């Protein structure tokens, strides 16, 4: 039953992340919920399915493939710190080249901030998170889950790029990317607050890890 539950929830997770965001489902849903309503509903369902998947992967039979490398928890901590910083500087800002942007009409390619290097902050963070956790969870169920997450994030970047190029027009998309890469590096607004928020989020995740992942990790970082 453990494998059946895992496969069922795993399939449901990817159906949720493929069907509602493609035509004709997305236009139909947006027309009835509005853009904000669609984003809220989709995000809520995604988090709920992710939580269900975490439960299912812990219930799946344990079939080891490799042991956790010595000291790997510090690499995971470094990766999660990078995830926090990417999200702190990449979310809630104009970003017409990916999803998750706000006030996209105000986007200035000559002041792109983090987007100069990371066009898709959410997917980049997702890739780092899943890749780091793949390294320290070497059993079949976790490898399937985190490995597919990492592949999903990489392919997702290419898919979103193609979609945005089609929507914006190839020449406009290219010019925007060129301007972003050539833009001078400037200090982001409220950089100290963003860094502090990212670090605080990592600490909270460590403290709450036993509740949402079923494994305590705080002790690994204490003397």
N, C-alpha and C. Protein backbone atom coordinates (compact mmCIF):
# COMPACT_ATOMS: atom_id res chain seq x y z
N UNK A 1 0.82 -1.21 0.00
CA UNK A 1 0.00 0.00 0.00
C UNK A 1 0.86 1.26 0.00
N UNK A 2 2.08 1.18 0.61
CA UNK A 2 2.95 2.34 0.64
C UNK A 2 3.35 2.81 -0.75
N UNK A 3 3.69 1.85 -1.63
CA UNK A 3 4.05 2.22 -2.99
C UNK A 3 2.85 2.73 -3.77
N UNK A 4 1.69 2.13 -3.55
CA UNK A 4 0.48 2.58 -4.26
C UNK A 4 0.15 4.02 -3.88
N UNK A 5 0.22 4.32 -2.59
CA UNK A 5 -0.05 5.69 -2.14
C UNK A 5 0.96 6.66 -2.74
N UNK A 6 2.24 6.29 -2.71
CA UNK A 6 3.28 7.17 -3.25
C UNK A 6 3.07 7.43 -4.74
N UNK A 7 2.83 6.37 -5.51
CA UNK A 7 2.65 6.53 -6.96
C UNK A 7 1.41 7.37 -7.27
N UNK A 8 0.33 7.15 -6.51
CA UNK A 8 -0.91 7.89 -6.75
C UNK A 8 -0.71 9.38 -6.47
N UNK A 9 -0.13 9.70 -5.31
CA UNK A 9 0.08 11.11 -4.96
C UNK A 9 1.11 11.74 -5.90
N UNK A 10 2.14 10.99 -6.25
CA UNK A 10 3.18 11.49 -7.15
C UNK A 10 2.57 11.84 -8.51
N UNK A 11 1.73 10.95 -9.04
CA UNK A 11 1.07 11.23 -10.32
C UNK A 11 0.15 12.44 -10.21
N UNK A 12 -0.60 12.53 -9.09
CA UNK A 12 -1.49 13.67 -8.89
C UNK A 12 -0.74 14.98 -8.82
N UNK A 13 0.45 14.96 -8.21
CA UNK A 13 1.26 16.16 -8.11
C UNK A 13 1.64 16.68 -9.49
N UNK A 14 2.06 15.78 -10.37
CA UNK A 14 2.49 16.22 -11.70
C UNK A 14 1.32 16.54 -12.62
N UNK A 15 0.20 15.91 -12.42
CA UNK A 15 -1.00 16.29 -13.17
C UNK A 15 -1.41 17.71 -12.81
N UNK A 16 -1.36 18.02 -11.51
CA UNK A 16 -1.70 19.37 -11.06
C UNK A 16 -0.75 20.40 -11.65
N UNK A 17 0.51 20.04 -11.85
CA UNK A 17 1.49 20.99 -12.35
C UNK A 17 1.64 20.97 -13.87
N UNK A 18 0.76 20.25 -14.54
CA UNK A 18 0.81 20.25 -16.01
C UNK A 18 -0.53 20.64 -16.63
N UNK A 19 -1.61 20.04 -16.18
CA UNK A 19 -2.92 20.29 -16.82
C UNK A 19 -3.43 21.70 -16.59
N UNK A 20 -3.51 22.22 -15.34
CA UNK A 20 -4.13 23.55 -15.14
C UNK A 20 -3.37 24.71 -15.76
N UNK A 21 -2.09 24.55 -16.07
CA UNK A 21 -1.29 25.66 -16.59
C UNK A 21 -1.20 25.65 -18.11
N UNK A 22 -1.87 24.71 -18.76
CA UNK A 22 -1.81 24.62 -20.21
C UNK A 22 -3.17 24.91 -20.81
N UNK A 23 -3.19 25.44 -22.04
CA UNK A 23 -4.48 25.64 -22.70
C UNK A 23 -5.10 24.28 -23.04
N UNK A 24 -6.45 24.18 -22.99
CA UNK A 24 -7.40 25.27 -22.72
C UNK A 24 -7.74 25.43 -21.24
N UNK A 25 -7.10 24.66 -20.35
CA UNK A 25 -7.49 24.71 -18.94
C UNK A 25 -7.17 26.06 -18.31
N UNK A 26 -5.97 26.58 -18.51
CA UNK A 26 -5.59 27.84 -17.86
C UNK A 26 -6.48 29.00 -18.28
N UNK A 27 -6.69 29.26 -19.58
CA UNK A 27 -7.59 30.38 -19.94
C UNK A 27 -8.99 30.22 -19.37
N UNK A 28 -9.48 28.98 -19.34
CA UNK A 28 -10.83 28.74 -18.80
C UNK A 28 -10.88 29.06 -17.31
N UNK A 29 -9.85 28.65 -16.58
CA UNK A 29 -9.80 28.91 -15.15
C UNK A 29 -9.58 30.38 -14.84
N UNK A 30 -8.69 31.03 -15.59
CA UNK A 30 -8.42 32.46 -15.37
C UNK A 30 -9.67 33.30 -15.65
N UNK A 31 -10.42 32.91 -16.68
CA UNK A 31 -11.65 33.66 -17.01
C UNK A 31 -12.65 33.60 -15.88
N UNK A 32 -12.64 32.55 -15.09
CA UNK A 32 -13.62 32.39 -14.01
C UNK A 32 -13.08 32.82 -12.64
N UNK A 33 -11.77 32.68 -12.45
CA UNK A 33 -11.19 33.02 -11.15
C UNK A 33 -10.45 34.36 -11.16
N UNK A 34 -10.11 34.85 -12.34
CA UNK A 34 -9.24 36.01 -12.44
C UNK A 34 -7.79 35.59 -12.27
N UNK A 35 -6.85 36.45 -12.68
CA UNK A 35 -5.43 36.09 -12.58
C UNK A 35 -5.02 35.88 -11.13
N UNK A 36 -5.43 36.80 -10.25
CA UNK A 36 -5.06 36.68 -8.84
C UNK A 36 -5.71 35.45 -8.21
N UNK A 37 -6.98 35.21 -8.52
CA UNK A 37 -7.67 34.04 -7.97
C UNK A 37 -7.04 32.75 -8.44
N UNK A 38 -6.65 32.72 -9.72
CA UNK A 38 -6.00 31.51 -10.25
C UNK A 38 -4.67 31.27 -9.54
N UNK A 39 -3.87 32.33 -9.38
CA UNK A 39 -2.56 32.19 -8.73
C UNK A 39 -2.72 31.70 -7.29
N UNK A 40 -3.70 32.26 -6.57
CA UNK A 40 -3.91 31.86 -5.17
C UNK A 40 -4.36 30.41 -5.09
N UNK A 41 -5.34 30.05 -5.92
CA UNK A 41 -5.86 28.68 -5.89
C UNK A 41 -4.79 27.68 -6.32
N UNK A 42 -4.04 28.01 -7.35
CA UNK A 42 -3.01 27.11 -7.85
C UNK A 42 -1.90 26.93 -6.81
N UNK A 43 -1.47 28.04 -6.18
CA UNK A 43 -0.42 27.97 -5.17
C UNK A 43 -0.87 27.15 -3.96
N UNK A 44 -2.12 27.35 -3.54
CA UNK A 44 -2.65 26.62 -2.39
C UNK A 44 -2.71 25.13 -2.67
N UNK A 45 -3.22 24.76 -3.84
CA UNK A 45 -3.30 23.34 -4.20
C UNK A 45 -1.90 22.73 -4.35
N UNK A 46 -0.97 23.51 -4.89
CA UNK A 46 0.39 23.00 -5.06
C UNK A 46 1.03 22.69 -3.72
N UNK A 47 0.86 23.59 -2.75
CA UNK A 47 1.42 23.35 -1.42
C UNK A 47 0.76 22.16 -0.75
N UNK A 48 -0.56 22.04 -0.93
CA UNK A 48 -1.27 20.90 -0.32
C UNK A 48 -0.80 19.58 -0.93
N UNK A 49 -0.62 19.55 -2.25
CA UNK A 49 -0.15 18.33 -2.90
C UNK A 49 1.29 18.02 -2.52
N UNK A 50 2.12 19.06 -2.34
CA UNK A 50 3.50 18.85 -1.93
C UNK A 50 3.54 18.25 -0.52
N UNK A 51 2.68 18.76 0.37
CA UNK A 51 2.61 18.21 1.73
C UNK A 51 2.16 16.75 1.69
N UNK A 52 1.17 16.44 0.85
CA UNK A 52 0.71 15.06 0.73
C UNK A 52 1.81 14.16 0.18
N UNK A 53 2.60 14.69 -0.74
CA UNK A 53 3.70 13.91 -1.31
C UNK A 53 4.77 13.63 -0.27
N UNK A 54 5.05 14.61 0.61
CA UNK A 54 6.01 14.39 1.68
C UNK A 54 5.55 13.25 2.60
N UNK A 55 4.26 13.23 2.90
CA UNK A 55 3.72 12.17 3.75
C UNK A 55 3.84 10.82 3.04
N UNK A 56 3.49 10.79 1.75
CA UNK A 56 3.51 9.54 0.99
C UNK A 56 4.93 8.99 0.85
N UNK A 57 5.92 9.87 0.64
CA UNK A 57 7.28 9.37 0.45
C UNK A 57 7.84 8.80 1.75
N UNK A 58 7.40 9.34 2.89
CA UNK A 58 7.85 8.78 4.17
C UNK A 58 7.20 7.43 4.45
N UNK A 59 6.03 7.18 3.90
CA UNK A 59 5.32 5.91 4.11
C UNK A 59 5.75 4.84 3.12
N UNK A 60 6.43 5.24 2.05
CA UNK A 60 6.85 4.26 1.04
C UNK A 60 7.93 3.34 1.63
N UNK A 61 8.01 2.11 1.16
CA UNK A 61 9.04 1.18 1.64
C UNK A 61 10.45 1.75 1.44
N UNK A 62 11.31 1.54 2.40
CA UNK A 62 12.66 2.08 2.33
C UNK A 62 13.56 1.11 1.57
N UNK A 63 14.05 1.56 0.41
CA UNK A 63 14.96 0.76 -0.41
C UNK A 63 16.21 1.60 -0.65
N UNK A 64 17.30 1.34 0.10
CA UNK A 64 18.49 2.20 0.01
C UNK A 64 19.24 2.03 -1.30
N UNK A 65 19.81 3.13 -1.78
CA UNK A 65 20.66 3.14 -2.96
C UNK A 65 22.08 3.59 -2.63
N UNK A 66 22.21 4.63 -1.78
CA UNK A 66 23.51 5.09 -1.34
C UNK A 66 23.38 5.72 0.04
N UNK A 67 24.45 5.71 0.83
CA UNK A 67 24.41 6.33 2.16
C UNK A 67 24.60 7.84 2.05
N UNK A 68 24.24 8.54 3.09
CA UNK A 68 24.46 9.99 3.11
C UNK A 68 25.95 10.28 3.19
N UNK A 69 26.49 11.09 2.29
CA UNK A 69 27.93 11.41 2.34
C UNK A 69 28.29 12.14 3.62
N UNK A 70 29.48 11.90 4.17
CA UNK A 70 29.90 12.61 5.40
C UNK A 70 29.92 14.12 5.19
N UNK A 71 29.36 14.84 6.14
CA UNK A 71 29.36 16.30 6.06
C UNK A 71 28.42 16.88 5.05
N UNK A 72 27.58 16.05 4.43
CA UNK A 72 26.70 16.55 3.38
C UNK A 72 25.65 17.53 3.91
N UNK A 73 25.35 17.44 5.22
CA UNK A 73 24.33 18.34 5.76
C UNK A 73 24.77 19.80 5.68
N UNK A 74 26.10 20.04 5.70
CA UNK A 74 26.57 21.42 5.56
C UNK A 74 26.39 21.91 4.13
N UNK A 75 26.53 21.02 3.16
CA UNK A 75 26.26 21.40 1.77
C UNK A 75 24.78 21.70 1.58
N UNK A 76 23.93 20.92 2.24
CA UNK A 76 22.49 21.19 2.17
C UNK A 76 22.18 22.55 2.79
N UNK A 77 22.82 22.86 3.92
CA UNK A 77 22.60 24.16 4.55
C UNK A 77 23.03 25.30 3.64
N UNK A 78 24.17 25.13 2.98
CA UNK A 78 24.64 26.16 2.04
C UNK A 78 23.66 26.33 0.88
N UNK A 79 23.16 25.20 0.36
CA UNK A 79 22.21 25.26 -0.75
C UNK A 79 20.91 25.92 -0.31
N UNK A 80 20.43 25.61 0.89
CA UNK A 80 19.18 26.19 1.36
C UNK A 80 19.34 27.68 1.67
N UNK A 81 20.53 28.08 2.10
CA UNK A 81 20.79 29.51 2.27
C UNK A 81 20.72 30.22 0.92
N UNK A 82 21.31 29.60 -0.11
CA UNK A 82 21.22 30.16 -1.46
C UNK A 82 19.77 30.21 -1.94
N UNK A 83 18.99 29.18 -1.62
CA UNK A 83 17.57 29.17 -1.98
C UNK A 83 16.86 30.36 -1.34
N UNK A 84 17.11 30.58 -0.04
CA UNK A 84 16.48 31.69 0.65
C UNK A 84 16.85 33.03 0.03
N UNK A 85 18.11 33.21 -0.32
CA UNK A 85 18.55 34.46 -0.92
C UNK A 85 17.95 34.67 -2.31
N UNK A 86 17.90 33.60 -3.10
CA UNK A 86 17.31 33.71 -4.44
C UNK A 86 15.85 34.14 -4.36
N UNK A 87 15.12 33.53 -3.45
CA UNK A 87 13.70 33.88 -3.31
C UNK A 87 13.53 35.27 -2.72
N UNK A 88 14.39 35.65 -1.78
CA UNK A 88 14.28 36.97 -1.16
C UNK A 88 14.51 38.08 -2.17
N UNK A 89 15.45 37.87 -3.10
CA UNK A 89 15.77 38.90 -4.07
C UNK A 89 15.02 38.73 -5.39
N UNK A 90 14.40 37.56 -5.59
CA UNK A 90 13.76 37.31 -6.88
C UNK A 90 12.25 37.35 -6.88
N UNK A 91 11.62 37.14 -5.71
CA UNK A 91 10.16 37.14 -5.65
C UNK A 91 9.62 38.55 -5.40
N UNK A 92 8.34 38.71 -5.72
CA UNK A 92 7.62 39.95 -5.45
C UNK A 92 8.28 41.16 -6.09
N UNK A 93 8.77 40.95 -7.30
CA UNK A 93 9.33 42.04 -8.07
C UNK A 93 8.92 41.83 -9.53
N UNK A 94 8.94 42.88 -10.34
CA UNK A 94 8.57 42.70 -11.75
C UNK A 94 9.48 41.69 -12.44
N UNK A 95 8.88 40.76 -13.16
CA UNK A 95 9.65 39.75 -13.89
C UNK A 95 8.79 39.18 -15.01
N UNK A 96 8.73 39.86 -16.15
CA UNK A 96 7.91 39.36 -17.26
C UNK A 96 8.50 38.15 -17.96
N UNK A 97 9.73 37.76 -17.61
CA UNK A 97 10.39 36.64 -18.28
C UNK A 97 10.10 35.30 -17.64
N UNK A 98 9.43 35.30 -16.49
CA UNK A 98 9.13 34.05 -15.81
C UNK A 98 7.75 34.17 -15.18
N UNK A 99 7.46 33.30 -14.22
CA UNK A 99 6.20 33.40 -13.50
C UNK A 99 6.50 33.81 -12.06
N UNK A 100 5.49 34.29 -11.38
CA UNK A 100 5.67 34.74 -10.01
C UNK A 100 6.02 36.20 -9.89
N UNK A 101 6.14 36.91 -11.02
CA UNK A 101 6.45 38.34 -10.97
C UNK A 101 5.24 39.17 -10.62
N UNK A 102 5.47 40.36 -10.07
CA UNK A 102 4.39 41.29 -9.76
C UNK A 102 4.68 42.62 -10.44
N UNK A 103 3.65 43.33 -10.82
CA UNK A 103 3.79 44.64 -11.48
C UNK A 103 4.75 44.54 -12.67
N UNK A 104 4.51 43.55 -13.53
CA UNK A 104 5.44 43.29 -14.62
C UNK A 104 5.57 44.46 -15.59
N UNK A 105 4.54 45.28 -15.68
CA UNK A 105 4.61 46.43 -16.59
C UNK A 105 5.68 47.42 -16.14
N UNK A 106 6.06 47.39 -14.87
CA UNK A 106 7.07 48.31 -14.35
C UNK A 106 8.49 47.76 -14.47
N UNK A 107 8.65 46.61 -15.10
CA UNK A 107 9.98 45.99 -15.19
C UNK A 107 10.92 46.85 -16.01
N UNK A 108 12.12 47.06 -15.48
CA UNK A 108 13.15 47.83 -16.16
C UNK A 108 14.35 46.92 -16.42
N UNK A 109 14.60 46.51 -17.66
CA UNK A 109 15.71 45.59 -17.95
C UNK A 109 17.08 46.19 -17.66
N UNK A 110 17.15 47.51 -17.47
CA UNK A 110 18.43 48.15 -17.13
C UNK A 110 18.68 48.15 -15.63
N UNK A 111 17.70 47.65 -14.88
CA UNK A 111 17.87 47.49 -13.43
C UNK A 111 17.24 46.16 -13.01
N UNK A 112 17.82 45.06 -13.48
CA UNK A 112 17.16 43.77 -13.30
C UNK A 112 17.40 43.11 -11.95
N UNK A 113 18.39 43.60 -11.19
CA UNK A 113 18.69 42.94 -9.92
C UNK A 113 19.15 41.50 -10.13
N UNK A 114 18.64 40.61 -9.31
CA UNK A 114 19.02 39.19 -9.39
C UNK A 114 18.69 38.59 -10.75
N UNK A 115 17.66 39.11 -11.42
CA UNK A 115 17.23 38.53 -12.69
C UNK A 115 18.31 38.64 -13.76
N UNK A 116 19.29 39.47 -13.53
CA UNK A 116 20.43 39.55 -14.45
C UNK A 116 21.09 38.18 -14.59
N UNK A 117 21.14 37.41 -13.49
CA UNK A 117 21.79 36.10 -13.50
C UNK A 117 20.78 34.95 -13.43
N UNK A 118 19.64 35.18 -12.80
CA UNK A 118 18.66 34.12 -12.58
C UNK A 118 17.30 34.60 -13.09
N UNK A 119 16.95 34.21 -14.32
CA UNK A 119 15.66 34.66 -14.89
C UNK A 119 14.48 34.01 -14.20
N UNK A 120 14.68 32.80 -13.68
CA UNK A 120 13.57 32.03 -13.11
C UNK A 120 13.87 31.71 -11.64
N UNK A 121 13.69 32.67 -10.74
CA UNK A 121 14.07 32.46 -9.34
C UNK A 121 13.38 31.27 -8.68
N UNK A 122 12.07 31.11 -8.94
CA UNK A 122 11.34 30.01 -8.30
C UNK A 122 11.88 28.66 -8.75
N UNK A 123 12.08 28.50 -10.04
CA UNK A 123 12.58 27.23 -10.56
C UNK A 123 14.03 26.99 -10.16
N UNK A 124 14.84 28.05 -10.13
CA UNK A 124 16.23 27.89 -9.69
C UNK A 124 16.28 27.46 -8.22
N UNK A 125 15.45 28.07 -7.38
CA UNK A 125 15.39 27.69 -5.98
C UNK A 125 14.90 26.25 -5.83
N UNK A 126 13.91 25.88 -6.63
CA UNK A 126 13.36 24.52 -6.61
C UNK A 126 14.43 23.50 -6.99
N UNK A 127 15.26 23.84 -7.98
CA UNK A 127 16.32 22.95 -8.42
C UNK A 127 17.37 22.77 -7.33
N UNK A 128 17.79 23.86 -6.70
CA UNK A 128 18.79 23.77 -5.64
C UNK A 128 18.27 22.97 -4.45
N UNK A 129 17.03 23.25 -4.07
CA UNK A 129 16.43 22.54 -2.94
C UNK A 129 16.36 21.04 -3.22
N UNK A 130 15.84 20.67 -4.38
CA UNK A 130 15.68 19.25 -4.69
C UNK A 130 17.03 18.56 -4.90
N UNK A 131 17.98 19.24 -5.56
CA UNK A 131 19.29 18.64 -5.78
C UNK A 131 20.04 18.39 -4.47
N UNK A 132 19.96 19.36 -3.56
CA UNK A 132 20.64 19.20 -2.27
C UNK A 132 20.03 18.07 -1.47
N UNK A 133 18.71 17.98 -1.47
CA UNK A 133 18.05 16.92 -0.70
C UNK A 133 18.18 15.55 -1.37
N UNK A 134 18.37 15.54 -2.67
CA UNK A 134 18.63 14.27 -3.36
C UNK A 134 19.94 13.66 -2.88
N UNK A 135 20.92 14.52 -2.64
CA UNK A 135 22.24 14.05 -2.21
C UNK A 135 22.18 13.31 -0.87
N UNK A 136 21.31 13.75 0.04
CA UNK A 136 21.30 13.18 1.39
C UNK A 136 20.15 12.22 1.62
N UNK A 137 19.36 11.93 0.58
CA UNK A 137 18.25 10.98 0.70
C UNK A 137 18.39 9.93 -0.39
N UNK A 138 19.26 8.94 -0.13
CA UNK A 138 19.59 7.98 -1.17
C UNK A 138 18.77 6.72 -1.17
N UNK A 139 17.46 6.83 -0.93
CA UNK A 139 16.59 5.66 -1.08
C UNK A 139 15.68 5.88 -2.29
N UNK A 140 15.08 4.80 -2.77
CA UNK A 140 14.37 4.84 -4.05
C UNK A 140 13.28 5.90 -4.08
N UNK A 141 12.41 5.94 -3.05
CA UNK A 141 11.29 6.88 -3.07
C UNK A 141 11.77 8.32 -3.11
N UNK A 142 12.76 8.66 -2.27
CA UNK A 142 13.26 10.04 -2.26
C UNK A 142 14.02 10.38 -3.54
N UNK A 143 14.75 9.42 -4.08
CA UNK A 143 15.47 9.67 -5.32
C UNK A 143 14.48 9.95 -6.46
N UNK A 144 13.41 9.18 -6.53
CA UNK A 144 12.39 9.42 -7.55
C UNK A 144 11.78 10.80 -7.37
N UNK A 145 11.44 11.15 -6.12
CA UNK A 145 10.80 12.43 -5.88
C UNK A 145 11.74 13.61 -6.14
N UNK A 146 12.89 13.63 -5.47
CA UNK A 146 13.79 14.78 -5.61
C UNK A 146 14.45 14.81 -6.98
N UNK A 147 14.74 13.63 -7.55
CA UNK A 147 15.31 13.61 -8.89
C UNK A 147 14.36 14.15 -9.94
N UNK A 148 13.09 13.80 -9.83
CA UNK A 148 12.11 14.31 -10.78
C UNK A 148 11.87 15.80 -10.56
N UNK A 149 11.94 16.26 -9.29
CA UNK A 149 11.81 17.69 -9.02
C UNK A 149 12.93 18.47 -9.71
N UNK A 150 14.17 17.97 -9.59
CA UNK A 150 15.30 18.66 -10.20
C UNK A 150 15.15 18.72 -11.72
N UNK A 151 14.76 17.60 -12.32
CA UNK A 151 14.55 17.57 -13.77
C UNK A 151 13.40 18.48 -14.17
N UNK A 152 12.33 18.48 -13.38
CA UNK A 152 11.17 19.34 -13.64
C UNK A 152 11.60 20.81 -13.64
N UNK A 153 12.45 21.20 -12.70
CA UNK A 153 12.89 22.59 -12.62
C UNK A 153 13.73 22.97 -13.84
N UNK A 154 14.67 22.10 -14.24
CA UNK A 154 15.52 22.40 -15.38
C UNK A 154 14.73 22.50 -16.68
N UNK A 155 13.87 21.51 -16.92
CA UNK A 155 13.06 21.55 -18.14
C UNK A 155 12.05 22.69 -18.07
N UNK A 156 11.57 22.99 -16.86
CA UNK A 156 10.62 24.08 -16.69
C UNK A 156 11.20 25.42 -17.12
N UNK A 157 12.48 25.64 -16.86
CA UNK A 157 13.11 26.89 -17.29
C UNK A 157 13.06 27.04 -18.80
N UNK A 158 13.35 25.95 -19.51
CA UNK A 158 13.33 25.99 -20.97
C UNK A 158 11.91 26.19 -21.50
N UNK A 159 10.95 25.54 -20.85
CA UNK A 159 9.57 25.66 -21.28
C UNK A 159 9.06 27.08 -21.08
N UNK A 160 9.36 27.67 -19.91
CA UNK A 160 8.92 29.04 -19.64
C UNK A 160 9.60 30.01 -20.59
N UNK A 161 10.89 29.80 -20.89
CA UNK A 161 11.58 30.66 -21.86
C UNK A 161 10.87 30.62 -23.21
N UNK A 162 10.54 29.43 -23.69
CA UNK A 162 9.86 29.31 -24.99
C UNK A 162 8.50 30.00 -24.95
N UNK A 163 7.79 29.83 -23.84
CA UNK A 163 6.46 30.43 -23.72
C UNK A 163 6.54 31.95 -23.72
N UNK A 164 7.50 32.50 -22.96
CA UNK A 164 7.63 33.95 -22.89
C UNK A 164 8.12 34.53 -24.22
N UNK A 165 9.00 33.82 -24.91
CA UNK A 165 9.45 34.29 -26.22
C UNK A 165 8.30 34.34 -27.21
N UNK A 166 7.42 33.36 -27.11
CA UNK A 166 6.26 33.34 -27.98
C UNK A 166 5.30 34.48 -27.65
N UNK A 167 5.10 34.72 -26.36
CA UNK A 167 4.16 35.76 -25.93
C UNK A 167 4.71 37.17 -26.18
N UNK A 168 5.99 37.39 -25.90
CA UNK A 168 6.58 38.71 -26.03
C UNK A 168 7.05 39.01 -27.45
N UNK A 169 7.27 37.97 -28.22
CA UNK A 169 7.89 38.13 -29.52
C UNK A 169 9.38 37.86 -29.37
N UNK A 170 9.94 37.12 -30.32
CA UNK A 170 11.33 36.67 -30.20
C UNK A 170 12.30 37.85 -30.08
N UNK A 171 12.10 38.89 -30.89
CA UNK A 171 13.04 40.02 -30.89
C UNK A 171 12.97 40.80 -29.58
N UNK A 172 11.76 41.05 -29.08
CA UNK A 172 11.61 41.77 -27.81
C UNK A 172 12.23 40.97 -26.67
N UNK A 173 12.01 39.66 -26.67
CA UNK A 173 12.57 38.80 -25.62
C UNK A 173 14.09 38.86 -25.66
N UNK A 174 14.68 38.75 -26.85
CA UNK A 174 16.13 38.77 -26.98
C UNK A 174 16.71 40.11 -26.52
N UNK A 175 16.08 41.21 -26.94
CA UNK A 175 16.57 42.52 -26.55
C UNK A 175 16.50 42.70 -25.03
N UNK A 176 15.44 42.21 -24.43
CA UNK A 176 15.29 42.32 -22.98
C UNK A 176 16.40 41.57 -22.27
N UNK A 177 16.70 40.36 -22.71
CA UNK A 177 17.76 39.57 -22.09
C UNK A 177 19.12 40.24 -22.27
N UNK A 178 19.39 40.77 -23.46
CA UNK A 178 20.66 41.45 -23.72
C UNK A 178 20.81 42.67 -22.83
N UNK A 179 19.73 43.45 -22.69
CA UNK A 179 19.79 44.63 -21.83
C UNK A 179 20.02 44.25 -20.37
N UNK A 180 19.39 43.18 -19.93
CA UNK A 180 19.58 42.72 -18.55
C UNK A 180 21.03 42.34 -18.29
N UNK A 181 21.63 41.60 -19.21
CA UNK A 181 23.00 41.13 -19.02
C UNK A 181 24.01 42.27 -19.07
N UNK A 182 23.67 43.32 -19.83
CA UNK A 182 24.59 44.46 -19.97
C UNK A 182 24.35 45.53 -18.91
N UNK A 183 23.32 45.39 -18.11
CA UNK A 183 22.99 46.41 -17.11
C UNK A 183 24.07 46.48 -16.03
N UNK A 184 24.36 47.68 -15.53
CA UNK A 184 25.34 47.79 -14.44
C UNK A 184 24.82 47.14 -13.17
N UNK A 185 25.74 46.58 -12.40
CA UNK A 185 25.37 45.96 -11.14
C UNK A 185 25.14 47.04 -10.10
N UNK A 186 23.99 47.03 -9.48
CA UNK A 186 23.66 48.03 -8.47
C UNK A 186 23.18 47.33 -7.20
N UNK A 187 23.25 48.04 -6.10
CA UNK A 187 22.82 47.48 -4.82
C UNK A 187 21.30 47.40 -4.79
N UNK A 188 20.74 46.21 -4.53
CA UNK A 188 19.28 46.07 -4.49
C UNK A 188 18.67 46.89 -3.35
N UNK A 189 17.43 47.31 -3.56
CA UNK A 189 16.70 48.04 -2.53
C UNK A 189 16.47 47.15 -1.32
N UNK A 190 16.72 47.70 -0.13
CA UNK A 190 16.50 46.99 1.13
C UNK A 190 17.25 45.66 1.16
N UNK A 191 18.52 45.68 0.68
CA UNK A 191 19.29 44.44 0.59
C UNK A 191 19.50 43.79 1.95
N UNK A 192 19.77 44.61 2.98
CA UNK A 192 20.03 44.06 4.31
C UNK A 192 18.79 43.35 4.85
N UNK A 193 17.64 43.95 4.65
CA UNK A 193 16.39 43.33 5.12
C UNK A 193 16.12 42.03 4.38
N UNK A 194 16.41 41.99 3.10
CA UNK A 194 16.17 40.78 2.32
C UNK A 194 17.10 39.64 2.77
N UNK A 195 18.37 39.98 3.01
CA UNK A 195 19.31 38.96 3.48
C UNK A 195 18.88 38.46 4.85
N UNK A 196 18.50 39.38 5.74
CA UNK A 196 18.07 38.98 7.08
C UNK A 196 16.83 38.10 7.00
N UNK A 197 15.90 38.45 6.13
CA UNK A 197 14.69 37.64 5.96
C UNK A 197 15.00 36.25 5.45
N UNK A 198 15.94 36.16 4.49
CA UNK A 198 16.32 34.86 3.94
C UNK A 198 16.95 33.97 5.01
N UNK A 199 17.86 34.55 5.80
CA UNK A 199 18.52 33.76 6.85
C UNK A 199 17.52 33.34 7.93
N UNK A 200 16.61 34.24 8.27
CA UNK A 200 15.58 33.89 9.26
C UNK A 200 14.70 32.76 8.75
N UNK A 201 14.37 32.78 7.46
CA UNK A 201 13.54 31.73 6.88
C UNK A 201 14.25 30.37 6.94
N UNK A 202 15.56 30.36 6.70
CA UNK A 202 16.32 29.11 6.78
C UNK A 202 16.30 28.56 8.21
N UNK A 203 16.46 29.43 9.20
CA UNK A 203 16.42 29.00 10.60
C UNK A 203 15.05 28.42 10.94
N UNK A 204 14.00 29.08 10.47
CA UNK A 204 12.64 28.59 10.74
C UNK A 204 12.43 27.22 10.10
N UNK A 205 12.92 27.04 8.88
CA UNK A 205 12.78 25.75 8.21
C UNK A 205 13.51 24.65 8.97
N UNK A 206 14.68 24.96 9.51
CA UNK A 206 15.42 23.97 10.30
C UNK A 206 14.63 23.58 11.55
N UNK A 207 14.07 24.58 12.22
CA UNK A 207 13.32 24.31 13.44
C UNK A 207 12.03 23.52 13.17
N UNK A 208 11.39 23.81 12.03
CA UNK A 208 10.12 23.16 11.72
C UNK A 208 10.29 21.87 10.92
N UNK A 209 11.51 21.53 10.57
CA UNK A 209 11.77 20.36 9.73
C UNK A 209 11.15 19.07 10.27
N UNK A 210 11.17 18.82 11.59
CA UNK A 210 10.54 17.58 12.09
C UNK A 210 9.05 17.51 11.81
N UNK A 211 8.37 18.65 11.73
CA UNK A 211 6.92 18.65 11.56
C UNK A 211 6.49 18.50 10.11
N UNK A 212 7.20 19.14 9.17
CA UNK A 212 6.74 19.02 7.78
C UNK A 212 7.52 17.98 6.98
N UNK A 213 8.67 17.51 7.50
CA UNK A 213 9.45 16.50 6.77
C UNK A 213 9.62 15.22 7.58
N UNK A 214 9.28 15.27 8.86
CA UNK A 214 9.36 14.05 9.67
C UNK A 214 10.75 13.72 10.16
N UNK A 215 11.72 14.59 9.94
CA UNK A 215 13.11 14.34 10.34
C UNK A 215 13.68 15.60 10.99
N UNK A 216 14.20 15.46 12.22
CA UNK A 216 14.86 16.59 12.86
C UNK A 216 16.28 16.75 12.36
N UNK A 217 16.67 18.00 12.04
CA UNK A 217 18.02 18.24 11.51
C UNK A 217 18.80 19.24 12.35
N UNK A 218 18.15 19.87 13.33
CA UNK A 218 18.84 20.89 14.12
C UNK A 218 20.08 20.34 14.80
N UNK A 219 19.99 19.13 15.35
CA UNK A 219 21.11 18.55 16.07
C UNK A 219 22.36 18.37 15.24
N UNK A 220 22.21 18.28 13.93
CA UNK A 220 23.37 18.09 13.07
C UNK A 220 24.25 19.33 12.99
N UNK A 221 23.68 20.48 13.30
CA UNK A 221 24.41 21.72 13.20
C UNK A 221 24.86 22.27 14.55
N UNK A 222 24.61 21.50 15.60
CA UNK A 222 25.00 21.91 16.94
C UNK A 222 26.26 21.17 17.36
N UNK A 223 27.11 21.78 18.21
CA UNK A 223 28.33 21.10 18.64
C UNK A 223 28.03 19.88 19.50
